[in-house]
Amino acid sequence: MDLVRHLRYFIVVAEELHFGNAAIRLGMAQPPLSQRIKRLEEELGVRLFDRSARQVRLTEPGRLLLSEAREIVGRVDRLHELARQGGHGTVLRVGVPPDLAATVLAALVAAFRESSPEVRLAPAEVWTADQVTALAEGTIDVGLVRHPVAAPGLTFGQVLVQAQGVLLAESDPLAGVGEVHLADLAGRELLMPPKEGEPGWRAEVLTECRRQGFVPAQVHEGAGLGLVLAGAAVAFGPRMELPGLAWRPLLGSPITSRVSTAWRAATPAVGDFSAAAARTLKESAGMTDEGAAPVRRVSRRPGMLA
């Protein structure tokens, strides 16, 4: 058992005194959290919480453990910080979405190196929900997350918006039209990020699709576009050029992606990365400030492709 990780879970539950709220804060489901607390209790041989239908309370052993757990976790975090800095300068551990375009990631790394040459960037491709957990556990310092995010205790940077078009195989009949209405995608299968990784954005997108008459025949999960290139599914994303792929704007821009940086502990390096990310996403990905430009909405299917 990873004792330090389980102690981190224990601390969050002890602070919230509510397993549901603690699970949201950690970016995980409630049943696995309850199982890990139970395993910690079995390992220590004591009951840490009194659980009832109405409330969760710390037991006396739980109260005694809480201060010790915070000290242990704090020492481990300090050791990691010293190890990262020892002889090699500061290392900033960053989470980025696995579907972030490689050119955008490269531009982001270059922009941060220019502004903070003394800090080494260590990016990892992690979906939003896993970034929330990693931030709570201290395994990353800052993340680039997709909203909506339900995670008390996080601080968010500037929220940026990017309209999403539809990605199709070049052979798809819709590849030759100007703008595509969501209802015109009826009968097609849809490729999306995994539900466990992007629960908030995925729910928003599927709700909007249903509202406008597109109920995917099947929803696939993944970050690669192989299914789209094969004509087996469509996906939503920013404009891109790839052999065999067609991108078309969606009428009314009903699907948008909202992203920002997120962190728990503010440091100069985190602030520099957040500023570099905002600049880069505007310049390299065409994103805009949230609320800067109203998004057009359409509520009925046009007759052009009926």
C-alpha atoms as a PDB file:
ATOM      1  CA  MET A   1       0.000   0.000   0.000  1.00  0.00           C
ATOM      2  CA  ASP A   2       1.212   3.518  -0.843  1.00  0.00           C
ATOM      3  CA  LEU A   3       0.924   4.891   2.688  1.00  0.00           C
ATOM      4  CA  VAL A   4       1.617   8.534   1.823  1.00  0.00           C
ATOM      5  CA  ARG A   5      -1.028   8.558  -0.897  1.00  0.00           C
ATOM      6  CA  HIS A   6      -3.584   6.995   1.452  1.00  0.00           C
ATOM      7  CA  LEU A   7      -2.708   9.578   4.100  1.00  0.00           C
ATOM      8  CA  ARG A   8      -3.400  12.319   1.541  1.00  0.00           C
ATOM      9  CA  TYR A   9      -6.840  10.820   0.975  1.00  0.00           C
ATOM     10  CA  PHE A  10      -7.407  10.618   4.733  1.00  0.00           C
ATOM     11  CA  ILE A  11      -6.470  14.298   5.213  1.00  0.00           C
ATOM     12  CA  VAL A  12      -8.947  15.468   2.572  1.00  0.00           C
ATOM     13  CA  VAL A  13     -11.792  13.368   4.017  1.00  0.00           C
ATOM     14  CA  ALA A  14     -10.936  14.618   7.518  1.00  0.00           C
ATOM     15  CA  GLU A  15     -11.065  18.221   6.299  1.00  0.00           C
ATOM     16  CA  GLU A  16     -14.350  17.789   4.431  1.00  0.00           C
ATOM     17  CA  LEU A  17     -16.040  15.277   6.783  1.00  0.00           C
ATOM     18  CA  HIS A  18     -18.024  14.256   3.721  1.00  0.00           C
ATOM     19  CA  PHE A  19     -16.917  11.486   1.370  1.00  0.00           C
ATOM     20  CA  GLY A  20     -18.758  12.957  -1.622  1.00  0.00           C
ATOM     21  CA  ASN A  21     -17.177  16.397  -1.238  1.00  0.00           C
ATOM     22  CA  ALA A  22     -13.768  14.842  -0.625  1.00  0.00           C
ATOM     23  CA  ALA A  23     -14.096  12.743  -3.795  1.00  0.00           C
ATOM     24  CA  ILE A  24     -14.953  15.858  -5.839  1.00  0.00           C
ATOM     25  CA  ARG A  25     -11.968  17.694  -4.379  1.00  0.00           C
ATOM     26  CA  LEU A  26      -9.688  14.776  -5.258  1.00  0.00           C
ATOM     27  CA  GLY A  27     -11.188  14.391  -8.728  1.00  0.00           C
ATOM     28  CA  MET A  28     -12.203  10.771  -8.207  1.00  0.00           C
ATOM     29  CA  ALA A  29     -15.327   8.690  -7.657  1.00  0.00           C
ATOM     30  CA  GLN A  30     -16.626   8.176  -4.128  1.00  0.00           C
ATOM     31  CA  PRO A  31     -16.561   4.328  -3.964  1.00  0.00           C
ATOM     32  CA  PRO A  32     -12.780   4.038  -4.644  1.00  0.00           C
ATOM     33  CA  LEU A  33     -12.122   6.745  -2.046  1.00  0.00           C
ATOM     34  CA  SER A  34     -14.180   4.888   0.560  1.00  0.00           C
ATOM     35  CA  GLN A  35     -12.311   1.675  -0.276  1.00  0.00           C
ATOM     36  CA  ARG A  36      -8.918   3.347   0.193  1.00  0.00           C
ATOM     37  CA  ILE A  37      -9.909   4.823   3.549  1.00  0.00           C
ATOM     38  CA  LYS A  38     -11.114   1.376   4.616  1.00  0.00           C
ATOM     39  CA  ARG A  39      -7.801  -0.139   3.511  1.00  0.00           C
ATOM     40  CA  LEU A  40      -5.905   2.487   5.540  1.00  0.00           C
ATOM     41  CA  GLU A  41      -8.030   1.633   8.586  1.00  0.00           C
ATOM     42  CA  GLU A  42      -7.256  -2.069   8.084  1.00  0.00           C
ATOM     43  CA  GLU A  43      -3.540  -1.331   7.717  1.00  0.00           C
ATOM     44  CA  LEU A  44      -3.472   0.738  10.920  1.00  0.00           C
ATOM     45  CA  GLY A  45      -5.871  -1.518  12.807  1.00  0.00           C
ATOM     46  CA  VAL A  46      -8.136   1.343  13.949  1.00  0.00           C
ATOM     47  CA  ARG A  47     -11.359   2.980  12.853  1.00  0.00           C
ATOM     48  CA  LEU A  48     -10.651   6.544  11.695  1.00  0.00           C
ATOM     49  CA  PHE A  49     -14.201   7.748  11.016  1.00  0.00           C
ATOM     50  CA  ASP A  50     -17.629   7.231  12.514  1.00  0.00           C
ATOM     51  CA  ARG A  51     -19.950   6.982   9.525  1.00  0.00           C
ATOM     52  CA  SER A  52     -23.712   7.424   9.596  1.00  0.00           C
ATOM     53  CA  ALA A  53     -26.376   8.294   7.057  1.00  0.00           C
ATOM     54  CA  ARG A  54     -26.275  11.938   8.165  1.00  0.00           C
ATOM     55  CA  GLN A  55     -22.686  12.714   9.025  1.00  0.00           C
ATOM     56  CA  VAL A  56     -19.055  11.633   9.114  1.00  0.00           C
ATOM     57  CA  ARG A  57     -17.007  12.295  12.245  1.00  0.00           C
ATOM     58  CA  LEU A  58     -13.394  11.653  13.184  1.00  0.00           C
ATOM     59  CA  THR A  59     -12.826   9.058  15.856  1.00  0.00           C
ATOM     60  CA  GLU A  60     -10.289   9.735  18.600  1.00  0.00           C
ATOM     61  CA  PRO A  61      -7.597   7.714  16.716  1.00  0.00           C
ATOM     62  CA  GLY A  62      -8.539   9.699  13.607  1.00  0.00           C
ATOM     63  CA  ARG A  63      -8.035  13.016  15.394  1.00  0.00           C
ATOM     64  CA  LEU A  64      -4.659  11.870  16.693  1.00  0.00           C
ATOM     65  CA  LEU A  65      -3.604  10.668  13.250  1.00  0.00           C
ATOM     66  CA  LEU A  66      -4.624  13.869  11.432  1.00  0.00           C
ATOM     67  CA  SER A  67      -1.831  16.075  12.784  1.00  0.00           C
ATOM     68  CA  GLU A  68       0.740  13.305  12.265  1.00  0.00           C
ATOM     69  CA  ALA A  69      -0.526  12.669   8.727  1.00  0.00           C
ATOM     70  CA  ARG A  70      -0.176  16.332   7.820  1.00  0.00           C
ATOM     71  CA  GLU A  71       3.370  16.378   9.160  1.00  0.00           C
ATOM     72  CA  ILE A  72       4.331  13.200   7.264  1.00  0.00           C
ATOM     73  CA  VAL A  73       2.843  14.409   3.981  1.00  0.00           C
ATOM     74  CA  GLY A  74       4.439  17.828   4.441  1.00  0.00           C
ATOM     75  CA  ARG A  75       7.857  16.267   4.983  1.00  0.00           C
ATOM     76  CA  VAL A  76       7.486  14.049   1.913  1.00  0.00           C
ATOM     77  CA  ASP A  77       6.490  17.056  -0.199  1.00  0.00           C
ATOM     78  CA  ARG A  78       9.492  18.973   1.103  1.00  0.00           C
ATOM     79  CA  LEU A  79      11.828  16.074   0.255  1.00  0.00           C
ATOM     80  CA  HIS A  80      10.426  15.985  -3.285  1.00  0.00           C
ATOM     81  CA  GLU A  81      10.908  19.734  -3.605  1.00  0.00           C
ATOM     82  CA  LEU A  82      14.510  19.518  -2.422  1.00  0.00           C
ATOM     83  CA  ALA A  83      15.198  16.615  -4.779  1.00  0.00           C
ATOM     84  CA  ARG A  84      13.787  18.566  -7.736  1.00  0.00           C
ATOM     85  CA  GLN A  85      15.894  21.614  -6.925  1.00  0.00           C
ATOM     86  CA  GLY A  86      19.110  19.951  -5.900  1.00  0.00           C
ATOM     87  CA  GLY A  87      21.797  20.861  -8.404  1.00  0.00           C
ATOM     88  CA  HIS A  88      19.482  21.207 -11.367  1.00  0.00           C
ATOM     89  CA  GLY A  89      17.424  24.302 -10.663  1.00  0.00           C
ATOM     90  CA  THR A  90      13.670  24.313 -10.139  1.00  0.00           C
ATOM     91  CA  VAL A  91      11.507  21.769 -11.946  1.00  0.00           C
ATOM     92  CA  LEU A  92       7.887  22.652 -12.699  1.00  0.00           C
ATOM     93  CA  ARG A  93       5.671  19.598 -13.121  1.00  0.00           C
ATOM     94  CA  VAL A  94       2.847  20.402 -15.529  1.00  0.00           C
ATOM     95  CA  GLY A  95      -0.224  18.474 -16.624  1.00  0.00           C
ATOM     96  CA  VAL A  96      -1.545  19.024 -20.168  1.00  0.00           C
ATOM     97  CA  PRO A  97      -4.469  17.362 -21.995  1.00  0.00           C
ATOM     98  CA  PRO A  98      -3.416  14.374 -24.145  1.00  0.00           C
ATOM     99  CA  ASP A  99      -5.353  15.852 -27.084  1.00  0.00           C
ATOM    100  CA  LEU A 100      -3.502  19.178 -27.004  1.00  0.00           C
ATOM    101  CA  ALA A 101      -2.017  19.736 -30.468  1.00  0.00           C
ATOM    102  CA  ALA A 102       1.703  18.954 -30.608  1.00  0.00           C
ATOM    103  CA  THR A 103       2.434  22.317 -32.223  1.00  0.00           C
ATOM    104  CA  VAL A 104       0.639  24.147 -29.411  1.00  0.00           C
ATOM    105  CA  LEU A 105       2.491  22.159 -26.743  1.00  0.00           C
ATOM    106  CA  ALA A 106       5.809  22.907 -28.436  1.00  0.00           C
ATOM    107  CA  ALA A 107       4.976  26.622 -28.572  1.00  0.00           C
ATOM    108  CA  LEU A 108       3.981  26.576 -24.893  1.00  0.00           C
ATOM    109  CA  VAL A 109       7.248  24.930 -23.832  1.00  0.00           C
ATOM    110  CA  ALA A 110       9.234  27.417 -25.929  1.00  0.00           C
ATOM    111  CA  ALA A 111       7.353  30.422 -24.480  1.00  0.00           C
ATOM    112  CA  PHE A 112       7.923  29.266 -20.917  1.00  0.00           C
ATOM    113  CA  ARG A 113      11.623  28.602 -21.531  1.00  0.00           C
ATOM    114  CA  GLU A 114      11.973  32.134 -22.877  1.00  0.00           C
ATOM    115  CA  SER A 115      10.281  33.713 -19.855  1.00  0.00           C
ATOM    116  CA  SER A 116      11.758  31.378 -17.199  1.00  0.00           C
ATOM    117  CA  PRO A 117      15.034  29.871 -18.464  1.00  0.00           C
ATOM    118  CA  GLU A 118      16.080  28.883 -14.926  1.00  0.00           C
ATOM    119  CA  VAL A 119      13.079  26.542 -14.528  1.00  0.00           C
ATOM    120  CA  ARG A 120      12.938  23.142 -16.203  1.00  0.00           C
ATOM    121  CA  LEU A 121       9.482  22.217 -17.448  1.00  0.00           C
ATOM    122  CA  ALA A 122       8.363  18.611 -16.945  1.00  0.00           C
ATOM    123  CA  PRO A 123       5.066  18.155 -18.854  1.00  0.00           C
ATOM    124  CA  ALA A 124       2.883  15.063 -18.584  1.00  0.00           C
ATOM    125  CA  GLU A 125      -0.177  14.257 -20.691  1.00  0.00           C
ATOM    126  CA  VAL A 126      -3.049  13.907 -18.225  1.00  0.00           C
ATOM    127  CA  TRP A 127      -6.817  14.354 -18.599  1.00  0.00           C
ATOM    128  CA  THR A 128      -8.557  16.990 -16.452  1.00  0.00           C
ATOM    129  CA  ALA A 129      -9.962  14.670 -13.750  1.00  0.00           C
ATOM    130  CA  ASP A 130      -6.568  13.037 -13.282  1.00  0.00           C
ATOM    131  CA  GLN A 131      -4.925  16.470 -13.127  1.00  0.00           C
ATOM    132  CA  VAL A 132      -7.282  17.447 -10.285  1.00  0.00           C
ATOM    133  CA  THR A 133      -6.217  14.329  -8.366  1.00  0.00           C
ATOM    134  CA  ALA A 134      -2.537  14.930  -9.159  1.00  0.00           C
ATOM    135  CA  LEU A 135      -2.788  18.540  -7.943  1.00  0.00           C
ATOM    136  CA  ALA A 136      -4.407  17.368  -4.700  1.00  0.00           C
ATOM    137  CA  GLU A 137      -1.701  14.750  -4.211  1.00  0.00           C
ATOM    138  CA  GLY A 138       1.108  17.143  -5.106  1.00  0.00           C
ATOM    139  CA  THR A 139       2.409  15.070  -8.007  1.00  0.00           C
ATOM    140  CA  ILE A 140       2.044  18.004 -10.415  1.00  0.00           C
ATOM    141  CA  ASP A 141       2.428  21.720  -9.658  1.00  0.00           C
ATOM    142  CA  VAL A 142       0.105  23.219 -12.256  1.00  0.00           C
ATOM    143  CA  GLY A 143      -2.282  21.896 -14.868  1.00  0.00           C
ATOM    144  CA  LEU A 144      -3.980  22.963 -18.061  1.00  0.00           C
ATOM    145  CA  VAL A 145      -7.565  21.840 -17.475  1.00  0.00           C
ATOM    146  CA  ARG A 146     -10.776  21.821 -19.474  1.00  0.00           C
ATOM    147  CA  HIS A 147     -13.851  23.338 -17.822  1.00  0.00           C
ATOM    148  CA  PRO A 148     -16.257  22.764 -16.149  1.00  0.00           C
ATOM    149  CA  VAL A 149     -14.175  21.580 -13.197  1.00  0.00           C
ATOM    150  CA  ALA A 150     -15.651  20.834  -9.760  1.00  0.00           C
ATOM    151  CA  ALA A 151     -12.633  20.948  -7.445  1.00  0.00           C
ATOM    152  CA  PRO A 152     -12.727  23.063  -4.268  1.00  0.00           C
ATOM    153  CA  GLY A 153      -9.299  24.325  -3.259  1.00  0.00           C
ATOM    154  CA  LEU A 154      -8.019  24.977  -6.774  1.00  0.00           C
ATOM    155  CA  THR A 155      -7.131  28.404  -8.149  1.00  0.00           C
ATOM    156  CA  PHE A 156      -7.768  28.948 -11.846  1.00  0.00           C
ATOM    157  CA  GLY A 157      -5.999  31.204 -14.296  1.00  0.00           C
ATOM    158  CA  GLN A 158      -7.576  33.136 -17.141  1.00  0.00           C
ATOM    159  CA  VAL A 159     -10.316  31.073 -18.838  1.00  0.00           C
ATOM    160  CA  LEU A 160      -9.948  30.928 -22.622  1.00  0.00           C
ATOM    161  CA  VAL A 161     -12.514  29.774 -25.171  1.00  0.00           C
ATOM    162  CA  GLN A 162     -12.082  27.972 -28.478  1.00  0.00           C
ATOM    163  CA  ALA A 163     -14.948  27.205 -30.871  1.00  0.00           C
ATOM    164  CA  GLN A 164     -14.942  23.589 -31.993  1.00  0.00           C
ATOM    165  CA  GLY A 165     -15.683  22.382 -35.498  1.00  0.00           C
ATOM    166  CA  VAL A 166     -16.374  18.839 -36.661  1.00  0.00           C
ATOM    167  CA  LEU A 167     -13.621  16.545 -37.904  1.00  0.00           C
ATOM    168  CA  LEU A 168     -14.658  14.148 -40.670  1.00  0.00           C
ATOM    169  CA  ALA A 169     -13.120  11.752 -43.113  1.00  0.00           C
ATOM    170  CA  GLU A 170     -12.537  13.395 -46.500  1.00  0.00           C
ATOM    171  CA  SER A 171     -14.941  10.863 -48.025  1.00  0.00           C
ATOM    172  CA  ASP A 172     -17.821  11.971 -45.770  1.00  0.00           C
ATOM    173  CA  PRO A 173     -20.585  13.781 -47.759  1.00  0.00           C
ATOM    174  CA  LEU A 174     -20.493  16.623 -45.208  1.00  0.00           C
ATOM    175  CA  ALA A 175     -16.843  17.310 -46.026  1.00  0.00           C
ATOM    176  CA  GLY A 176     -17.951  19.355 -49.019  1.00  0.00           C
ATOM    177  CA  VAL A 177     -20.380  21.731 -47.276  1.00  0.00           C
ATOM    178  CA  GLY A 178     -19.700  25.118 -45.730  1.00  0.00           C
ATOM    179  CA  GLU A 179     -21.116  24.918 -42.210  1.00  0.00           C
ATOM    180  CA  VAL A 180     -22.466  21.765 -40.575  1.00  0.00           C
ATOM    181  CA  HIS A 181     -25.467  21.725 -38.260  1.00  0.00           C
ATOM    182  CA  LEU A 182     -25.227  19.263 -35.392  1.00  0.00           C
ATOM    183  CA  ALA A 183     -28.429  17.576 -36.573  1.00  0.00           C
ATOM    184  CA  ASP A 184     -26.708  16.747 -39.871  1.00  0.00           C
ATOM    185  CA  LEU A 185     -24.418  14.378 -37.958  1.00  0.00           C
ATOM    186  CA  ALA A 186     -27.354  12.104 -37.077  1.00  0.00           C
ATOM    187  CA  GLY A 187     -26.546   8.424 -37.447  1.00  0.00           C
ATOM    188  CA  ARG A 188     -22.805   8.920 -37.068  1.00  0.00           C
ATOM    189  CA  GLU A 189     -20.635   7.646 -34.231  1.00  0.00           C
ATOM    190  CA  LEU A 190     -18.684  10.141 -32.122  1.00  0.00           C
ATOM    191  CA  LEU A 191     -15.124  10.064 -30.790  1.00  0.00           C
ATOM    192  CA  MET A 192     -14.615  11.865 -27.451  1.00  0.00           C
ATOM    193  CA  PRO A 193     -12.130  12.003 -24.570  1.00  0.00           C
ATOM    194  CA  PRO A 194     -12.732   9.306 -21.924  1.00  0.00           C
ATOM    195  CA  LYS A 195     -15.635   9.875 -19.529  1.00  0.00           C
ATOM    196  CA  GLU A 196     -13.406   9.353 -16.496  1.00  0.00           C
ATOM    197  CA  GLY A 197     -10.907  11.921 -17.772  1.00  0.00           C
ATOM    198  CA  GLU A 198     -13.185  14.729 -18.985  1.00  0.00           C
ATOM    199  CA  PRO A 199     -16.559  14.181 -17.269  1.00  0.00           C
ATOM    200  CA  GLY A 200     -17.653  17.827 -17.205  1.00  0.00           C
ATOM    201  CA  TRP A 201     -16.883  18.766 -20.800  1.00  0.00           C
ATOM    202  CA  ARG A 202     -18.141  15.454 -22.153  1.00  0.00           C
ATOM    203  CA  ALA A 203     -21.499  15.893 -20.376  1.00  0.00           C
ATOM    204  CA  GLU A 204     -21.848  19.457 -21.713  1.00  0.00           C
ATOM    205  CA  VAL A 205     -21.102  18.392 -25.281  1.00  0.00           C
ATOM    206  CA  LEU A 206     -23.491  15.426 -25.305  1.00  0.00           C
ATOM    207  CA  THR A 207     -26.255  17.564 -23.791  1.00  0.00           C
ATOM    208  CA  GLU A 208     -25.830  20.185 -26.539  1.00  0.00           C
ATOM    209  CA  CYS A 209     -25.749  17.482 -29.211  1.00  0.00           C
ATOM    210  CA  ARG A 210     -29.008  15.992 -27.977  1.00  0.00           C
ATOM    211  CA  ARG A 211     -30.587  19.455 -27.733  1.00  0.00           C
ATOM    212  CA  GLN A 212     -29.852  20.086 -31.393  1.00  0.00           C
ATOM    213  CA  GLY A 213     -30.882  16.688 -32.694  1.00  0.00           C
ATOM    214  CA  PHE A 214     -27.644  14.690 -32.772  1.00  0.00           C
ATOM    215  CA  VAL A 215     -27.685  11.524 -30.665  1.00  0.00           C
ATOM    216  CA  PRO A 216     -24.500   9.585 -31.549  1.00  0.00           C
ATOM    217  CA  ALA A 217     -25.085   5.997 -32.596  1.00  0.00           C
ATOM    218  CA  GLN A 218     -22.103   5.157 -30.368  1.00  0.00           C
ATOM    219  CA  VAL A 219     -19.573   7.154 -28.364  1.00  0.00           C
ATOM    220  CA  HIS A 220     -15.954   6.005 -28.625  1.00  0.00           C
ATOM    221  CA  GLU A 221     -13.222   7.119 -26.236  1.00  0.00           C
ATOM    222  CA  GLY A 222      -9.694   8.193 -27.134  1.00  0.00           C
ATOM    223  CA  ALA A 223      -7.366  10.994 -28.186  1.00  0.00           C
ATOM    224  CA  GLY A 224      -6.184   9.641 -31.562  1.00  0.00           C
ATOM    225  CA  LEU A 225      -8.077  10.311 -34.799  1.00  0.00           C
ATOM    226  CA  GLY A 226      -7.751   6.886 -36.381  1.00  0.00           C
ATOM    227  CA  LEU A 227     -11.488   6.192 -36.228  1.00  0.00           C
ATOM    228  CA  VAL A 228     -12.215   9.562 -37.847  1.00  0.00           C
ATOM    229  CA  LEU A 229      -9.713   8.977 -40.662  1.00  0.00           C
ATOM    230  CA  ALA A 230     -11.275   5.565 -41.236  1.00  0.00           C
ATOM    231  CA  GLY A 231     -14.725   7.121 -41.567  1.00  0.00           C
ATOM    232  CA  ALA A 232     -15.977   5.191 -38.527  1.00  0.00           C
ATOM    233  CA  ALA A 233     -16.658   8.252 -36.357  1.00  0.00           C
ATOM    234  CA  VAL A 234     -16.600  12.046 -36.234  1.00  0.00           C
ATOM    235  CA  ALA A 235     -15.011  14.231 -33.561  1.00  0.00           C
ATOM    236  CA  PHE A 236     -15.105  17.822 -32.360  1.00  0.00           C
ATOM    237  CA  GLY A 237     -11.956  19.900 -32.336  1.00  0.00           C
ATOM    238  CA  PRO A 238     -10.142  22.997 -33.570  1.00  0.00           C
ATOM    239  CA  ARG A 239      -9.250  23.497 -37.227  1.00  0.00           C
ATOM    240  CA  MET A 240      -6.448  21.193 -38.335  1.00  0.00           C
ATOM    241  CA  GLU A 241      -4.952  19.900 -41.547  1.00  0.00           C
ATOM    242  CA  LEU A 242      -4.197  16.214 -41.868  1.00  0.00           C
ATOM    243  CA  PRO A 243      -4.174  14.016 -44.991  1.00  0.00           C
ATOM    244  CA  GLY A 244      -7.500  12.207 -45.284  1.00  0.00           C
ATOM    245  CA  LEU A 245      -9.173  14.530 -42.777  1.00  0.00           C
ATOM    246  CA  ALA A 246     -11.684  17.341 -43.302  1.00  0.00           C
ATOM    247  CA  TRP A 247     -12.609  20.062 -40.800  1.00  0.00           C
ATOM    248  CA  ARG A 248     -15.854  22.004 -41.047  1.00  0.00           C
ATOM    249  CA  PRO A 249     -17.234  24.745 -38.769  1.00  0.00           C
ATOM    250  CA  LEU A 250     -20.440  24.075 -36.843  1.00  0.00           C
ATOM    251  CA  LEU A 251     -23.351  26.396 -37.552  1.00  0.00           C
ATOM    252  CA  GLY A 252     -23.832  28.716 -34.581  1.00  0.00           C
ATOM    253  CA  SER A 253     -20.649  27.523 -32.825  1.00  0.00           C
ATOM    254  CA  PRO A 254     -22.625  25.355 -30.361  1.00  0.00           C
ATOM    255  CA  ILE A 255     -19.596  23.398 -29.138  1.00  0.00           C
ATOM    256  CA  THR A 256     -16.783  25.254 -27.378  1.00  0.00           C
ATOM    257  CA  SER A 257     -13.793  24.225 -25.319  1.00  0.00           C
ATOM    258  CA  ARG A 258     -12.984  26.323 -22.228  1.00  0.00           C
ATOM    259  CA  VAL A 259      -9.544  25.872 -20.724  1.00  0.00           C
ATOM    260  CA  SER A 260      -7.386  27.479 -18.060  1.00  0.00           C
ATOM    261  CA  THR A 261      -4.445  26.747 -15.860  1.00  0.00           C
ATOM    262  CA  ALA A 262      -5.126  25.404 -12.350  1.00  0.00           C
ATOM    263  CA  TRP A 263      -3.019  25.079  -9.217  1.00  0.00           C
ATOM    264  CA  ARG A 264      -3.209  24.621  -5.458  1.00  0.00           C
ATOM    265  CA  ALA A 265       0.009  26.300  -4.307  1.00  0.00           C
ATOM    266  CA  ALA A 266       1.028  29.557  -5.982  1.00  0.00           C
ATOM    267  CA  THR A 267       4.731  29.993  -6.774  1.00  0.00           C
ATOM    268  CA  PRO A 268       6.568  32.373  -9.120  1.00  0.00           C
ATOM    269  CA  ALA A 269       7.105  29.508 -11.569  1.00  0.00           C
ATOM    270  CA  VAL A 270       3.399  28.630 -11.541  1.00  0.00           C
ATOM    271  CA  GLY A 271       2.495  32.264 -12.190  1.00  0.00           C
ATOM    272  CA  ASP A 272       4.976  32.484 -15.067  1.00  0.00           C
ATOM    273  CA  PHE A 273       3.619  29.290 -16.617  1.00  0.00           C
ATOM    274  CA  SER A 274       0.022  30.490 -16.313  1.00  0.00           C
ATOM    275  CA  ALA A 275       0.874  33.752 -18.072  1.00  0.00           C
ATOM    276  CA  ALA A 276       2.851  31.937 -20.797  1.00  0.00           C
ATOM    277  CA  ALA A 277      -0.014  29.476 -21.321  1.00  0.00           C
ATOM    278  CA  ALA A 278      -2.560  32.274 -21.785  1.00  0.00           C
ATOM    279  CA  ARG A 279      -0.345  34.044 -24.331  1.00  0.00           C
ATOM    280  CA  THR A 280       0.484  30.870 -26.233  1.00  0.00           C
ATOM    281  CA  LEU A 281      -3.078  29.557 -26.417  1.00  0.00           C
ATOM    282  CA  LYS A 282      -4.214  32.875 -27.865  1.00  0.00           C
ATOM    283  CA  GLU A 283      -1.383  33.125 -30.377  1.00  0.00           C
ATOM    284  CA  SER A 284      -0.969  29.470 -31.401  1.00  0.00           C
ATOM    285  CA  ALA A 285      -4.441  28.012 -30.842  1.00  0.00           C
ATOM    286  CA  GLY A 286      -6.614  31.028 -31.657  1.00  0.00           C
ATOM    287  CA  MET A 287      -8.317  31.031 -28.268  1.00  0.00           C
ATOM    288  CA  THR A 288     -10.042  34.122 -26.877  1.00  0.00           C
ATOM    289  CA  ASP A 289     -10.918  35.419 -23.417  1.00  0.00           C
ATOM    290  CA  GLU A 290     -14.146  33.961 -22.073  1.00  0.00           C
ATOM    291  CA  GLY A 291     -16.939  36.472 -22.632  1.00  0.00           C
ATOM    292  CA  ALA A 292     -14.924  38.526 -25.117  1.00  0.00           C
ATOM    293  CA  ALA A 293     -17.136  37.547 -28.051  1.00  0.00           C
ATOM    294  CA  PRO A 294     -20.707  36.204 -27.856  1.00  0.00           C
ATOM    295  CA  VAL A 295     -21.198  32.735 -29.306  1.00  0.00           C
ATOM    296  CA  ARG A 296     -23.919  32.422 -31.935  1.00  0.00           C
ATOM    297  CA  ARG A 297     -26.528  29.795 -31.123  1.00  0.00           C
ATOM    298  CA  VAL A 298     -29.022  28.066 -33.392  1.00  0.00           C
ATOM    299  CA  SER A 299     -32.014  26.158 -32.118  1.00  0.00           C
ATOM    300  CA  ARG A 300     -33.415  24.636 -35.278  1.00  0.00           C
ATOM    301  CA  ARG A 301     -31.994  22.621 -38.104  1.00  0.00           C
ATOM    302  CA  PRO A 302     -31.612  24.603 -41.343  1.00  0.00           C
ATOM    303  CA  GLY A 303     -33.089  23.267 -44.521  1.00  0.00           C
ATOM    304  CA  MET A 304     -29.901  23.321 -46.599  1.00  0.00           C
ATOM    305  CA  LEU A 305     -28.934  19.748 -45.717  1.00  0.00           C
ATOM    306  CA  ALA A 306     -32.382  18.417 -44.936  1.00  0.00           C
END
